[in-house]
N, C-alpha and C. Protein backbone atom coordinates (compact mmCIF):
# COMPACT_ATOMS: atom_id res chain seq x y z
N MET A 1 76.82 41.57 -83.19
CA MET A 1 76.87 40.57 -84.23
C MET A 1 76.56 39.18 -83.67
N ARG A 2 77.13 38.86 -82.50
CA ARG A 2 76.90 37.55 -81.90
C ARG A 2 75.41 37.34 -81.57
N LYS A 3 74.75 38.40 -81.09
CA LYS A 3 73.34 38.28 -80.77
C LYS A 3 72.54 37.89 -82.00
N GLY A 4 72.87 38.47 -83.13
CA GLY A 4 72.18 38.16 -84.38
C GLY A 4 72.37 36.71 -84.78
N ILE A 5 73.57 36.23 -84.66
CA ILE A 5 73.86 34.83 -85.01
C ILE A 5 73.13 33.90 -84.06
N TYR A 6 73.20 34.20 -82.77
CA TYR A 6 72.50 33.36 -81.79
C TYR A 6 70.99 33.37 -82.04
N SER A 7 70.46 34.52 -82.38
CA SER A 7 69.02 34.60 -82.66
C SER A 7 68.65 33.74 -83.85
N ILE A 8 69.47 33.78 -84.88
CA ILE A 8 69.19 32.96 -86.07
C ILE A 8 69.30 31.49 -85.74
N VAL A 9 70.31 31.11 -84.97
CA VAL A 9 70.48 29.70 -84.59
C VAL A 9 69.29 29.24 -83.74
N ILE A 10 68.88 30.04 -82.79
CA ILE A 10 67.74 29.68 -81.93
C ILE A 10 66.47 29.58 -82.76
N LEU A 11 66.26 30.52 -83.66
CA LEU A 11 65.08 30.48 -84.52
C LEU A 11 65.08 29.22 -85.37
N PHE A 12 66.22 28.90 -85.97
CA PHE A 12 66.34 27.69 -86.78
C PHE A 12 66.06 26.45 -85.94
N TYR A 13 66.62 26.39 -84.75
CA TYR A 13 66.43 25.26 -83.85
C TYR A 13 64.96 25.11 -83.46
N MET A 14 64.30 26.21 -83.15
CA MET A 14 62.88 26.16 -82.76
C MET A 14 62.02 25.68 -83.93
N CYS A 15 62.32 26.13 -85.13
CA CYS A 15 61.58 25.68 -86.31
C CYS A 15 61.79 24.19 -86.54
N ALA A 16 63.02 23.74 -86.36
CA ALA A 16 63.32 22.32 -86.55
C ALA A 16 62.56 21.47 -85.53
N ILE A 17 62.52 21.91 -84.29
CA ILE A 17 61.79 21.18 -83.25
C ILE A 17 60.31 21.17 -83.56
N SER A 18 59.78 22.32 -83.94
CA SER A 18 58.35 22.41 -84.26
C SER A 18 57.99 21.48 -85.40
N PHE A 19 58.81 21.47 -86.44
CA PHE A 19 58.56 20.62 -87.60
C PHE A 19 58.67 19.15 -87.21
N ALA A 20 59.66 18.81 -86.42
CA ALA A 20 59.90 17.43 -86.03
C ALA A 20 58.78 16.90 -85.15
N GLN A 21 58.14 17.75 -84.38
CA GLN A 21 57.11 17.31 -83.45
C GLN A 21 55.72 17.27 -84.07
N GLU A 22 55.60 17.69 -85.31
CA GLU A 22 54.30 17.67 -85.97
C GLU A 22 53.85 16.22 -86.11
N PRO A 23 52.68 15.89 -85.58
CA PRO A 23 52.25 14.50 -85.63
C PRO A 23 51.96 14.05 -87.06
N ALA A 24 52.21 12.79 -87.29
CA ALA A 24 51.92 12.22 -88.61
C ALA A 24 50.41 12.23 -88.83
N LYS A 25 50.01 12.45 -90.06
CA LYS A 25 48.59 12.48 -90.39
C LYS A 25 48.04 11.06 -90.35
N HIS A 26 46.90 10.89 -89.74
CA HIS A 26 46.25 9.58 -89.63
C HIS A 26 45.79 9.12 -91.02
N ALA A 27 45.79 7.82 -91.22
CA ALA A 27 45.39 7.25 -92.52
C ALA A 27 43.98 7.69 -92.93
N ILE A 28 43.09 7.84 -91.97
CA ILE A 28 41.72 8.28 -92.28
C ILE A 28 41.75 9.70 -92.84
N ASP A 29 42.56 10.56 -92.24
CA ASP A 29 42.67 11.94 -92.72
C ASP A 29 43.31 11.99 -94.10
N LYS A 30 44.30 11.13 -94.33
CA LYS A 30 44.93 11.07 -95.66
C LYS A 30 43.92 10.66 -96.72
N ALA A 31 43.13 9.62 -96.40
CA ALA A 31 42.10 9.17 -97.35
C ALA A 31 41.06 10.26 -97.59
N LEU A 32 40.70 10.99 -96.55
CA LEU A 32 39.75 12.10 -96.70
C LEU A 32 40.34 13.16 -97.62
N ASP A 33 41.59 13.51 -97.43
CA ASP A 33 42.23 14.51 -98.29
C ASP A 33 42.20 14.08 -99.76
N VAL A 34 42.51 12.82 -100.02
CA VAL A 34 42.50 12.30 -101.39
C VAL A 34 41.10 12.39 -101.96
N CYS A 35 40.12 11.97 -101.18
CA CYS A 35 38.72 12.00 -101.62
C CYS A 35 38.28 13.44 -101.92
N LEU A 36 38.61 14.36 -101.03
CA LEU A 36 38.22 15.76 -101.23
C LEU A 36 38.90 16.37 -102.45
N ASP A 37 40.14 15.95 -102.71
CA ASP A 37 40.83 16.45 -103.91
C ASP A 37 40.12 16.03 -105.19
N LYS A 38 39.46 14.88 -105.15
CA LYS A 38 38.77 14.35 -106.33
C LYS A 38 37.31 14.80 -106.41
N ASN A 39 36.78 15.30 -105.31
CA ASN A 39 35.35 15.62 -105.23
C ASN A 39 35.16 17.02 -104.67
N SER A 40 35.08 18.00 -105.54
CA SER A 40 34.98 19.39 -105.08
C SER A 40 33.54 19.90 -105.00
N SER A 41 32.58 19.10 -105.43
CA SER A 41 31.19 19.54 -105.32
C SER A 41 30.72 19.41 -103.87
N THR A 42 29.65 20.09 -103.55
CA THR A 42 29.09 20.00 -102.20
C THR A 42 28.73 18.56 -101.87
N ALA A 43 28.06 17.89 -102.79
CA ALA A 43 27.67 16.50 -102.55
C ALA A 43 28.90 15.61 -102.42
N GLY A 44 29.89 15.84 -103.27
CA GLY A 44 31.12 15.05 -103.22
C GLY A 44 31.85 15.23 -101.90
N MET A 45 31.99 16.47 -101.47
CA MET A 45 32.66 16.74 -100.20
C MET A 45 31.89 16.13 -99.04
N THR A 46 30.58 16.26 -99.07
CA THR A 46 29.75 15.71 -98.00
C THR A 46 29.88 14.19 -97.95
N ASN A 47 29.91 13.55 -99.10
CA ASN A 47 30.08 12.10 -99.14
C ASN A 47 31.45 11.69 -98.62
N CYS A 48 32.50 12.42 -98.98
CA CYS A 48 33.85 12.12 -98.49
C CYS A 48 33.90 12.23 -96.97
N ILE A 49 33.32 13.29 -96.45
CA ILE A 49 33.32 13.50 -95.00
C ILE A 49 32.48 12.43 -94.32
N GLY A 50 31.38 12.03 -94.95
CA GLY A 50 30.56 10.96 -94.40
C GLY A 50 31.31 9.64 -94.33
N GLU A 51 32.10 9.35 -95.36
CA GLU A 51 32.93 8.14 -95.34
C GLU A 51 33.96 8.22 -94.22
N ALA A 52 34.58 9.37 -94.07
CA ALA A 52 35.57 9.56 -93.01
C ALA A 52 34.92 9.43 -91.64
N TYR A 53 33.71 9.98 -91.51
CA TYR A 53 32.97 9.85 -90.25
C TYR A 53 32.80 8.38 -89.90
N GLY A 54 32.36 7.59 -90.88
CA GLY A 54 32.16 6.16 -90.64
C GLY A 54 33.45 5.46 -90.23
N LYS A 55 34.55 5.84 -90.86
CA LYS A 55 35.84 5.24 -90.52
C LYS A 55 36.28 5.65 -89.11
N TRP A 56 36.08 6.93 -88.76
CA TRP A 56 36.44 7.37 -87.41
C TRP A 56 35.57 6.68 -86.36
N ASP A 57 34.30 6.50 -86.68
CA ASP A 57 33.40 5.82 -85.75
C ASP A 57 33.85 4.37 -85.54
N LYS A 58 34.21 3.72 -86.61
CA LYS A 58 34.70 2.34 -86.53
C LYS A 58 36.01 2.29 -85.73
N GLU A 59 36.89 3.26 -85.98
CA GLU A 59 38.16 3.32 -85.24
C GLU A 59 37.91 3.58 -83.76
N LEU A 60 36.98 4.46 -83.45
CA LEU A 60 36.63 4.74 -82.07
C LEU A 60 36.18 3.45 -81.37
N ASN A 61 35.31 2.69 -82.02
CA ASN A 61 34.82 1.45 -81.42
C ASN A 61 35.92 0.41 -81.27
N ARG A 62 36.83 0.35 -82.23
CA ARG A 62 37.95 -0.58 -82.14
C ARG A 62 38.86 -0.22 -80.97
N LEU A 63 39.17 1.06 -80.84
CA LEU A 63 40.03 1.52 -79.74
C LEU A 63 39.37 1.31 -78.39
N TYR A 64 38.08 1.57 -78.32
CA TYR A 64 37.34 1.34 -77.08
C TYR A 64 37.44 -0.13 -76.68
N ALA A 65 37.22 -1.03 -77.62
CA ALA A 65 37.26 -2.46 -77.33
C ALA A 65 38.67 -2.89 -76.90
N GLU A 66 39.68 -2.36 -77.57
CA GLU A 66 41.05 -2.72 -77.21
C GLU A 66 41.42 -2.19 -75.84
N LEU A 67 41.00 -0.97 -75.54
CA LEU A 67 41.27 -0.40 -74.23
C LEU A 67 40.55 -1.20 -73.15
N MET A 68 39.32 -1.60 -73.41
CA MET A 68 38.56 -2.41 -72.46
C MET A 68 39.30 -3.71 -72.12
N LYS A 69 39.91 -4.32 -73.12
CA LYS A 69 40.64 -5.58 -72.91
C LYS A 69 41.85 -5.40 -71.99
N ARG A 70 42.42 -4.22 -72.00
CA ARG A 70 43.67 -3.99 -71.27
C ARG A 70 43.47 -3.44 -69.86
N LEU A 71 42.25 -3.04 -69.53
CA LEU A 71 41.99 -2.45 -68.22
C LEU A 71 41.55 -3.52 -67.22
N GLY A 72 41.80 -3.21 -65.95
CA GLY A 72 41.30 -4.06 -64.89
C GLY A 72 39.81 -3.81 -64.69
N ALA A 73 39.23 -4.52 -63.74
CA ALA A 73 37.79 -4.45 -63.50
C ALA A 73 37.32 -3.02 -63.23
N ASP A 74 38.01 -2.30 -62.34
CA ASP A 74 37.61 -0.93 -62.02
C ASP A 74 37.76 -0.01 -63.23
N GLY A 75 38.84 -0.19 -63.96
CA GLY A 75 39.07 0.61 -65.15
C GLY A 75 38.00 0.39 -66.21
N LYS A 76 37.56 -0.85 -66.35
CA LYS A 76 36.51 -1.16 -67.32
C LYS A 76 35.21 -0.47 -66.96
N ILE A 77 34.88 -0.49 -65.68
CA ILE A 77 33.66 0.18 -65.22
C ILE A 77 33.75 1.68 -65.49
N THR A 78 34.90 2.27 -65.16
CA THR A 78 35.09 3.70 -65.36
C THR A 78 35.05 4.07 -66.84
N LEU A 79 35.71 3.26 -67.68
CA LEU A 79 35.70 3.54 -69.12
C LEU A 79 34.28 3.44 -69.67
N LYS A 80 33.55 2.44 -69.25
CA LYS A 80 32.17 2.29 -69.74
C LYS A 80 31.32 3.49 -69.33
N GLU A 81 31.46 3.93 -68.09
CA GLU A 81 30.72 5.10 -67.63
C GLU A 81 31.12 6.35 -68.42
N ALA A 82 32.41 6.50 -68.65
CA ALA A 82 32.90 7.66 -69.41
C ALA A 82 32.36 7.63 -70.83
N GLN A 83 32.32 6.44 -71.43
CA GLN A 83 31.83 6.33 -72.80
C GLN A 83 30.35 6.64 -72.88
N VAL A 84 29.58 6.18 -71.90
CA VAL A 84 28.15 6.49 -71.86
C VAL A 84 27.95 8.00 -71.77
N GLN A 85 28.74 8.65 -70.92
CA GLN A 85 28.64 10.11 -70.79
C GLN A 85 29.09 10.80 -72.07
N TRP A 86 30.13 10.26 -72.71
CA TRP A 86 30.58 10.86 -73.97
C TRP A 86 29.50 10.75 -75.04
N LEU A 87 28.81 9.61 -75.10
CA LEU A 87 27.72 9.44 -76.07
C LEU A 87 26.62 10.47 -75.84
N LYS A 88 26.33 10.75 -74.59
CA LYS A 88 25.34 11.80 -74.27
C LYS A 88 25.86 13.16 -74.74
N PHE A 89 27.14 13.42 -74.48
CA PHE A 89 27.77 14.66 -74.93
C PHE A 89 27.71 14.77 -76.45
N ARG A 90 28.09 13.69 -77.14
CA ARG A 90 28.08 13.68 -78.61
C ARG A 90 26.70 14.01 -79.13
N ASP A 91 25.70 13.34 -78.58
CA ASP A 91 24.33 13.57 -79.04
C ASP A 91 23.88 15.01 -78.80
N ALA A 92 24.26 15.55 -77.64
CA ALA A 92 23.92 16.95 -77.34
C ALA A 92 24.65 17.91 -78.28
N GLU A 93 25.91 17.62 -78.57
CA GLU A 93 26.67 18.45 -79.50
C GLU A 93 26.07 18.39 -80.90
N PHE A 94 25.67 17.20 -81.33
CA PHE A 94 25.04 17.06 -82.64
C PHE A 94 23.75 17.87 -82.70
N LYS A 95 23.00 17.83 -81.62
CA LYS A 95 21.75 18.59 -81.55
C LYS A 95 22.04 20.09 -81.63
N LEU A 96 23.07 20.52 -80.91
CA LEU A 96 23.46 21.93 -80.96
C LEU A 96 23.88 22.32 -82.37
N LEU A 97 24.73 21.51 -82.99
CA LEU A 97 25.18 21.79 -84.36
C LEU A 97 24.00 21.86 -85.32
N ASP A 98 23.07 20.92 -85.19
CA ASP A 98 21.90 20.93 -86.06
C ASP A 98 21.10 22.22 -85.87
N GLY A 99 20.96 22.65 -84.63
CA GLY A 99 20.24 23.89 -84.36
C GLY A 99 20.91 25.10 -84.98
N ILE A 100 22.22 25.09 -84.99
CA ILE A 100 22.97 26.21 -85.58
C ILE A 100 22.91 26.15 -87.10
N TYR A 101 23.27 24.98 -87.66
CA TYR A 101 23.35 24.86 -89.12
C TYR A 101 21.99 24.92 -89.80
N ASP A 102 20.93 24.51 -89.10
CA ASP A 102 19.60 24.57 -89.69
C ASP A 102 19.17 26.00 -90.02
N LYS A 103 19.74 26.96 -89.32
CA LYS A 103 19.36 28.36 -89.53
C LYS A 103 20.21 29.04 -90.62
N LEU A 104 21.23 28.35 -91.11
CA LEU A 104 22.13 28.93 -92.10
C LEU A 104 21.71 28.56 -93.51
N GLU A 105 21.82 29.51 -94.41
CA GLU A 105 21.48 29.26 -95.81
C GLU A 105 22.75 29.19 -96.64
N GLY A 106 22.74 28.28 -97.58
CA GLY A 106 23.89 28.12 -98.47
C GLY A 106 24.40 26.69 -98.43
N THR A 107 24.75 26.20 -99.60
CA THR A 107 25.18 24.81 -99.68
C THR A 107 26.52 24.57 -99.02
N MET A 108 27.32 25.61 -98.82
CA MET A 108 28.63 25.40 -98.20
C MET A 108 28.51 24.89 -96.76
N TYR A 109 27.35 25.14 -96.15
CA TYR A 109 27.17 24.72 -94.76
C TYR A 109 26.88 23.22 -94.64
N ILE A 110 26.53 22.58 -95.73
CA ILE A 110 26.24 21.14 -95.67
C ILE A 110 27.51 20.35 -95.34
N PRO A 111 28.62 20.51 -96.10
CA PRO A 111 29.83 19.79 -95.71
C PRO A 111 30.44 20.32 -94.41
N MET A 112 30.22 21.58 -94.11
CA MET A 112 30.73 22.12 -92.84
C MET A 112 30.06 21.43 -91.66
N ARG A 113 28.76 21.20 -91.74
CA ARG A 113 28.04 20.50 -90.68
C ARG A 113 28.57 19.07 -90.56
N ALA A 114 28.75 18.41 -91.70
CA ALA A 114 29.26 17.04 -91.69
C ALA A 114 30.65 16.98 -91.06
N ASP A 115 31.48 17.95 -91.39
CA ASP A 115 32.83 17.99 -90.83
C ASP A 115 32.80 18.25 -89.32
N SER A 116 31.94 19.12 -88.88
CA SER A 116 31.84 19.41 -87.44
C SER A 116 31.46 18.16 -86.67
N ARG A 117 30.53 17.40 -87.22
CA ARG A 117 30.12 16.15 -86.57
C ARG A 117 31.26 15.13 -86.58
N MET A 118 31.95 15.03 -87.71
CA MET A 118 33.05 14.09 -87.82
C MET A 118 34.16 14.42 -86.82
N GLN A 119 34.44 15.71 -86.64
CA GLN A 119 35.51 16.12 -85.74
C GLN A 119 35.24 15.68 -84.29
N ILE A 120 33.99 15.69 -83.90
CA ILE A 120 33.63 15.26 -82.55
C ILE A 120 33.99 13.79 -82.36
N VAL A 121 33.65 12.97 -83.33
CA VAL A 121 33.95 11.54 -83.25
C VAL A 121 35.45 11.30 -83.36
N LYS A 122 36.09 12.00 -84.27
CA LYS A 122 37.54 11.88 -84.44
C LYS A 122 38.26 12.22 -83.14
N ASN A 123 37.89 13.32 -82.51
CA ASN A 123 38.54 13.74 -81.27
C ASN A 123 38.41 12.68 -80.19
N ARG A 124 37.25 12.04 -80.09
CA ARG A 124 37.08 10.99 -79.08
C ARG A 124 37.95 9.78 -79.42
N ALA A 125 38.02 9.43 -80.68
CA ALA A 125 38.87 8.31 -81.09
C ALA A 125 40.32 8.60 -80.73
N LEU A 126 40.77 9.82 -80.97
CA LEU A 126 42.15 10.17 -80.65
C LEU A 126 42.39 10.19 -79.14
N GLU A 127 41.38 10.58 -78.37
CA GLU A 127 41.50 10.52 -76.91
C GLU A 127 41.65 9.08 -76.45
N LEU A 128 40.83 8.18 -77.00
CA LEU A 128 40.92 6.77 -76.64
C LEU A 128 42.28 6.20 -77.05
N LYS A 129 42.79 6.60 -78.20
CA LYS A 129 44.10 6.15 -78.67
C LYS A 129 45.18 6.59 -77.70
N SER A 130 45.11 7.83 -77.26
CA SER A 130 46.07 8.34 -76.30
C SER A 130 46.02 7.55 -75.00
N ASN A 131 44.83 7.27 -74.51
CA ASN A 131 44.68 6.48 -73.29
C ASN A 131 45.21 5.06 -73.48
N LEU A 132 44.92 4.48 -74.63
CA LEU A 132 45.41 3.14 -74.93
C LEU A 132 46.94 3.12 -74.96
N ASP A 133 47.54 4.13 -75.56
CA ASP A 133 49.01 4.22 -75.60
C ASP A 133 49.59 4.29 -74.20
N LEU A 134 48.94 5.03 -73.32
CA LEU A 134 49.41 5.12 -71.93
C LEU A 134 49.33 3.77 -71.24
N VAL A 135 48.24 3.08 -71.45
CA VAL A 135 48.07 1.76 -70.84
C VAL A 135 49.11 0.78 -71.37
N LYS A 136 49.35 0.82 -72.67
CA LYS A 136 50.35 -0.07 -73.30
C LYS A 136 51.73 0.22 -72.73
N ASP A 137 52.05 1.51 -72.55
CA ASP A 137 53.37 1.90 -72.04
C ASP A 137 53.58 1.44 -70.60
N SER A 138 52.50 1.35 -69.84
CA SER A 138 52.62 0.98 -68.43
C SER A 138 52.63 -0.53 -68.22
N GLN A 139 52.36 -1.28 -69.26
CA GLN A 139 52.33 -2.75 -69.10
C GLN A 139 53.63 -3.39 -69.48
């Protein structure tokens, strides 16, 4: 009987921790969700994702600039080099995605392609945010 109670308590505790650690949704993602709820057509979804892409790109550039301000000379050089390499990676990934999606038929792949591209930019923005948070914490 005790094992059962302990198992339930542990399961409840693990669920509570998992729920508590779920990161808050970014404002850009919230706006995208609202837009997608209002626009269920292929064109509507693609436009919503395109708007979100633009916002993530702007956020990426803002975070890059803020991180640059907080780094020393060596860090600035390294960040600039990393960003140049990331831009090459992004462009190569976009080319790969285009090669894949160009061969697919069906309108559902149009917003899927847009989302795949947006995710690449979003992920880089979140990486820069994480790095910026580390720098802020150490100062």
